[in-house]
Amino acid sequence: MRQFGKPLASIFLQDSALIRQTGYFLTILCLSVPLLGIINMMTSYFQALGKTVKSLTITVLRNAVPFIPGVILLNRFWQLDGVIAVQPVVEAVLAVICSLMYHRDVKAVRQARP
């Protein structure tokens, strides 16, 4: 995405400084894309098994709980760069949490089998 950020931003923007900054931000935000696959897969997994509480927990964690304090905290340390970096940081933490939830669930299912 690094090479496509500026051209993509220039479609919508005219100011060269803003285009440069938008391209940089798109690069940071794209770091979280692979993690979204893990998170969405785990959400779907728990939904498919009827484990709505776990699925809802993942959704709430992704959209609110760590994100809002993360914006406040990282803004304090890195200003605007910190605000943009919150998304990949939250996605990385949540991907680890999802993986732990999944492994715990699979382990419980295996132990329940005769």
C-alpha atoms as a PDB file:
ATOM      1  CA  MET A   1       0.000   0.000   0.000  1.00  0.00           C
ATOM      2  CA  ARG A   2       2.980   2.271   0.479  1.00  0.00           C
ATOM      3  CA  GLN A   3       3.276   2.933  -3.248  1.00  0.00           C
ATOM      4  CA  PHE A   4      -0.489   3.352  -3.711  1.00  0.00           C
ATOM      5  CA  GLY A   5      -1.246   5.661  -0.772  1.00  0.00           C
ATOM      6  CA  LYS A   6      -0.264   8.935  -2.388  1.00  0.00           C
ATOM      7  CA  PRO A   7      -1.880   8.254  -5.787  1.00  0.00           C
ATOM      8  CA  LEU A   8      -5.057   7.105  -4.060  1.00  0.00           C
ATOM      9  CA  ALA A   9      -5.122  10.208  -1.857  1.00  0.00           C
ATOM     10  CA  SER A  10      -4.487  12.478  -4.841  1.00  0.00           C
ATOM     11  CA  ILE A  11      -7.771  11.320  -6.390  1.00  0.00           C
ATOM     12  CA  PHE A  12      -9.645  13.012  -3.538  1.00  0.00           C
ATOM     13  CA  LEU A  13      -7.225  15.730  -2.377  1.00  0.00           C
ATOM     14  CA  GLN A  14      -5.392  18.635  -4.001  1.00  0.00           C
ATOM     15  CA  ASP A  15      -2.985  19.814  -1.272  1.00  0.00           C
ATOM     16  CA  SER A  16       0.426  18.103  -1.676  1.00  0.00           C
ATOM     17  CA  ALA A  17       1.223  18.138   2.060  1.00  0.00           C
ATOM     18  CA  LEU A  18      -2.130  16.552   2.845  1.00  0.00           C
ATOM     19  CA  ILE A  19      -1.624  13.948   0.096  1.00  0.00           C
ATOM     20  CA  ARG A  20       1.797  13.044   1.534  1.00  0.00           C
ATOM     21  CA  GLN A  21       0.388  12.750   5.063  1.00  0.00           C
ATOM     22  CA  THR A  22      -2.619  10.721   3.900  1.00  0.00           C
ATOM     23  CA  GLY A  23      -0.339   8.301   2.043  1.00  0.00           C
ATOM     24  CA  TYR A  24       1.691   7.853   5.233  1.00  0.00           C
ATOM     25  CA  PHE A  25      -1.447   7.226   7.296  1.00  0.00           C
ATOM     26  CA  LEU A  26      -2.775   4.698   4.798  1.00  0.00           C
ATOM     27  CA  THR A  27       0.518   2.821   5.098  1.00  0.00           C
ATOM     28  CA  ILE A  28       0.163   2.659   8.893  1.00  0.00           C
ATOM     29  CA  LEU A  29      -3.479   1.603   8.719  1.00  0.00           C
ATOM     30  CA  CYS A  30      -2.714  -1.168   6.227  1.00  0.00           C
ATOM     31  CA  LEU A  31      -0.504  -2.843   8.823  1.00  0.00           C
ATOM     32  CA  SER A  32      -3.658  -4.079  10.523  1.00  0.00           C
ATOM     33  CA  VAL A  33      -5.246  -5.671   7.432  1.00  0.00           C
ATOM     34  CA  PRO A  34      -3.757  -9.177   7.925  1.00  0.00           C
ATOM     35  CA  LEU A  35      -4.899  -9.118  11.536  1.00  0.00           C
ATOM     36  CA  LEU A  36      -8.453  -8.364  10.475  1.00  0.00           C
ATOM     37  CA  GLY A  37      -8.587 -11.780   8.828  1.00  0.00           C
ATOM     38  CA  ILE A  38      -7.831 -13.475  12.143  1.00  0.00           C
ATOM     39  CA  ILE A  39     -10.311 -11.342  14.046  1.00  0.00           C
ATOM     40  CA  ASN A  40     -13.131 -11.758  11.526  1.00  0.00           C
ATOM     41  CA  MET A  41     -12.510 -15.503  11.279  1.00  0.00           C
ATOM     42  CA  MET A  42     -12.693 -15.908  15.056  1.00  0.00           C
ATOM     43  CA  THR A  43     -15.863 -13.809  15.249  1.00  0.00           C
ATOM     44  CA  SER A  44     -17.464 -15.972  12.557  1.00  0.00           C
ATOM     45  CA  TYR A  45     -16.248 -19.158  14.249  1.00  0.00           C
ATOM     46  CA  PHE A  46     -17.903 -18.257  17.540  1.00  0.00           C
ATOM     47  CA  GLN A  47     -21.078 -17.071  15.797  1.00  0.00           C
ATOM     48  CA  ALA A  48     -21.320 -20.319  13.834  1.00  0.00           C
ATOM     49  CA  LEU A  49     -21.052 -22.337  17.027  1.00  0.00           C
ATOM     50  CA  GLY A  50     -23.733 -20.240  18.731  1.00  0.00           C
ATOM     51  CA  LYS A  51     -21.288 -18.736  21.215  1.00  0.00           C
ATOM     52  CA  THR A  52     -22.734 -15.270  20.996  1.00  0.00           C
ATOM     53  CA  VAL A  53     -21.093 -13.907  24.143  1.00  0.00           C
ATOM     54  CA  LYS A  54     -17.610 -14.652  22.831  1.00  0.00           C
ATOM     55  CA  SER A  55     -18.469 -13.220  19.424  1.00  0.00           C
ATOM     56  CA  LEU A  56     -19.936 -10.089  20.991  1.00  0.00           C
ATOM     57  CA  THR A  57     -16.893  -9.747  23.242  1.00  0.00           C
ATOM     58  CA  ILE A  58     -14.592  -9.697  20.222  1.00  0.00           C
ATOM     59  CA  THR A  59     -16.785  -7.126  18.473  1.00  0.00           C
ATOM     60  CA  VAL A  60     -16.937  -4.835  21.501  1.00  0.00           C
ATOM     61  CA  LEU A  61     -13.200  -5.163  22.096  1.00  0.00           C
ATOM     62  CA  ARG A  62     -12.470  -4.262  18.505  1.00  0.00           C
ATOM     63  CA  ASN A  63     -14.701  -1.240  18.332  1.00  0.00           C
ATOM     64  CA  ALA A  64     -14.662   0.427  21.723  1.00  0.00           C
ATOM     65  CA  VAL A  65     -12.964  -0.879  24.830  1.00  0.00           C
ATOM     66  CA  PRO A  66      -9.249  -0.661  23.953  1.00  0.00           C
ATOM     67  CA  PHE A  67      -9.665   1.770  21.072  1.00  0.00           C
ATOM     68  CA  ILE A  68     -10.882   4.830  22.982  1.00  0.00           C
ATOM     69  CA  PRO A  69      -8.251   4.684  25.770  1.00  0.00           C
ATOM     70  CA  GLY A  70      -5.661   3.838  23.111  1.00  0.00           C
ATOM     71  CA  VAL A  71      -6.465   6.997  21.167  1.00  0.00           C
ATOM     72  CA  ILE A  72      -6.146   9.094  24.326  1.00  0.00           C
ATOM     73  CA  LEU A  73      -2.910   7.421  25.425  1.00  0.00           C
ATOM     74  CA  LEU A  74      -1.097   7.306  22.083  1.00  0.00           C
ATOM     75  CA  ASN A  75      -2.222  10.846  21.265  1.00  0.00           C
ATOM     76  CA  ARG A  76      -0.471  11.991  24.412  1.00  0.00           C
ATOM     77  CA  PHE A  77       2.818  10.376  23.340  1.00  0.00           C
ATOM     78  CA  TRP A  78       2.835  10.726  19.528  1.00  0.00           C
ATOM     79  CA  GLN A  79       0.044  13.209  18.716  1.00  0.00           C
ATOM     80  CA  LEU A  80      -1.572  12.527  15.338  1.00  0.00           C
ATOM     81  CA  ASP A  81       0.772   9.639  14.484  1.00  0.00           C
ATOM     82  CA  GLY A  82      -0.311   7.964  17.716  1.00  0.00           C
ATOM     83  CA  VAL A  83      -3.986   8.374  16.875  1.00  0.00           C
ATOM     84  CA  ILE A  84      -3.442   6.683  13.516  1.00  0.00           C
ATOM     85  CA  ALA A  85      -1.263   3.940  15.054  1.00  0.00           C
ATOM     86  CA  VAL A  86      -3.989   2.930  17.508  1.00  0.00           C
ATOM     87  CA  GLN A  87      -5.795   0.841  14.921  1.00  0.00           C
ATOM     88  CA  PRO A  88      -2.918  -1.589  14.170  1.00  0.00           C
ATOM     89  CA  VAL A  89      -1.990  -1.762  17.861  1.00  0.00           C
ATOM     90  CA  VAL A  90      -5.556  -2.615  18.928  1.00  0.00           C
ATOM     91  CA  GLU A  91      -5.895  -5.130  16.083  1.00  0.00           C
ATOM     92  CA  ALA A  92      -2.631  -6.852  17.113  1.00  0.00           C
ATOM     93  CA  VAL A  93      -3.692  -7.132  20.747  1.00  0.00           C
ATOM     94  CA  LEU A  94      -7.140  -8.353  19.755  1.00  0.00           C
ATOM     95  CA  ALA A  95      -5.708 -10.936  17.338  1.00  0.00           C
ATOM     96  CA  VAL A  96      -3.720 -12.401  20.232  1.00  0.00           C
ATOM     97  CA  ILE A  97      -6.818 -12.393  22.464  1.00  0.00           C
ATOM     98  CA  CYS A  98      -8.873 -14.071  19.709  1.00  0.00           C
ATOM     99  CA  SER A  99      -6.215 -16.722  19.217  1.00  0.00           C
ATOM    100  CA  LEU A 100      -6.170 -17.471  22.938  1.00  0.00           C
ATOM    101  CA  MET A 101      -9.976 -17.669  23.031  1.00  0.00           C
ATOM    102  CA  TYR A 102      -9.955 -20.031  20.047  1.00  0.00           C
ATOM    103  CA  HIS A 103      -7.286 -22.333  21.472  1.00  0.00           C
ATOM    104  CA  ARG A 104      -9.083 -22.473  24.816  1.00  0.00           C
ATOM    105  CA  ASP A 105     -12.344 -23.310  23.037  1.00  0.00           C
ATOM    106  CA  VAL A 106     -10.754 -26.051  20.900  1.00  0.00           C
ATOM    107  CA  LYS A 107      -9.101 -27.524  23.982  1.00  0.00           C
ATOM    108  CA  ALA A 108     -12.440 -27.608  25.833  1.00  0.00           C
ATOM    109  CA  VAL A 109     -14.135 -29.297  22.864  1.00  0.00           C
ATOM    110  CA  ARG A 110     -11.400 -31.940  22.654  1.00  0.00           C
ATOM    111  CA  GLN A 111     -11.615 -32.667  26.380  1.00  0.00           C
ATOM    112  CA  ALA A 112     -15.408 -32.991  26.170  1.00  0.00           C
ATOM    113  CA  ARG A 113     -15.179 -35.715  23.516  1.00  0.00           C
ATOM    114  CA  PRO A 114     -15.221 -39.304  24.760  1.00  0.00           C
END
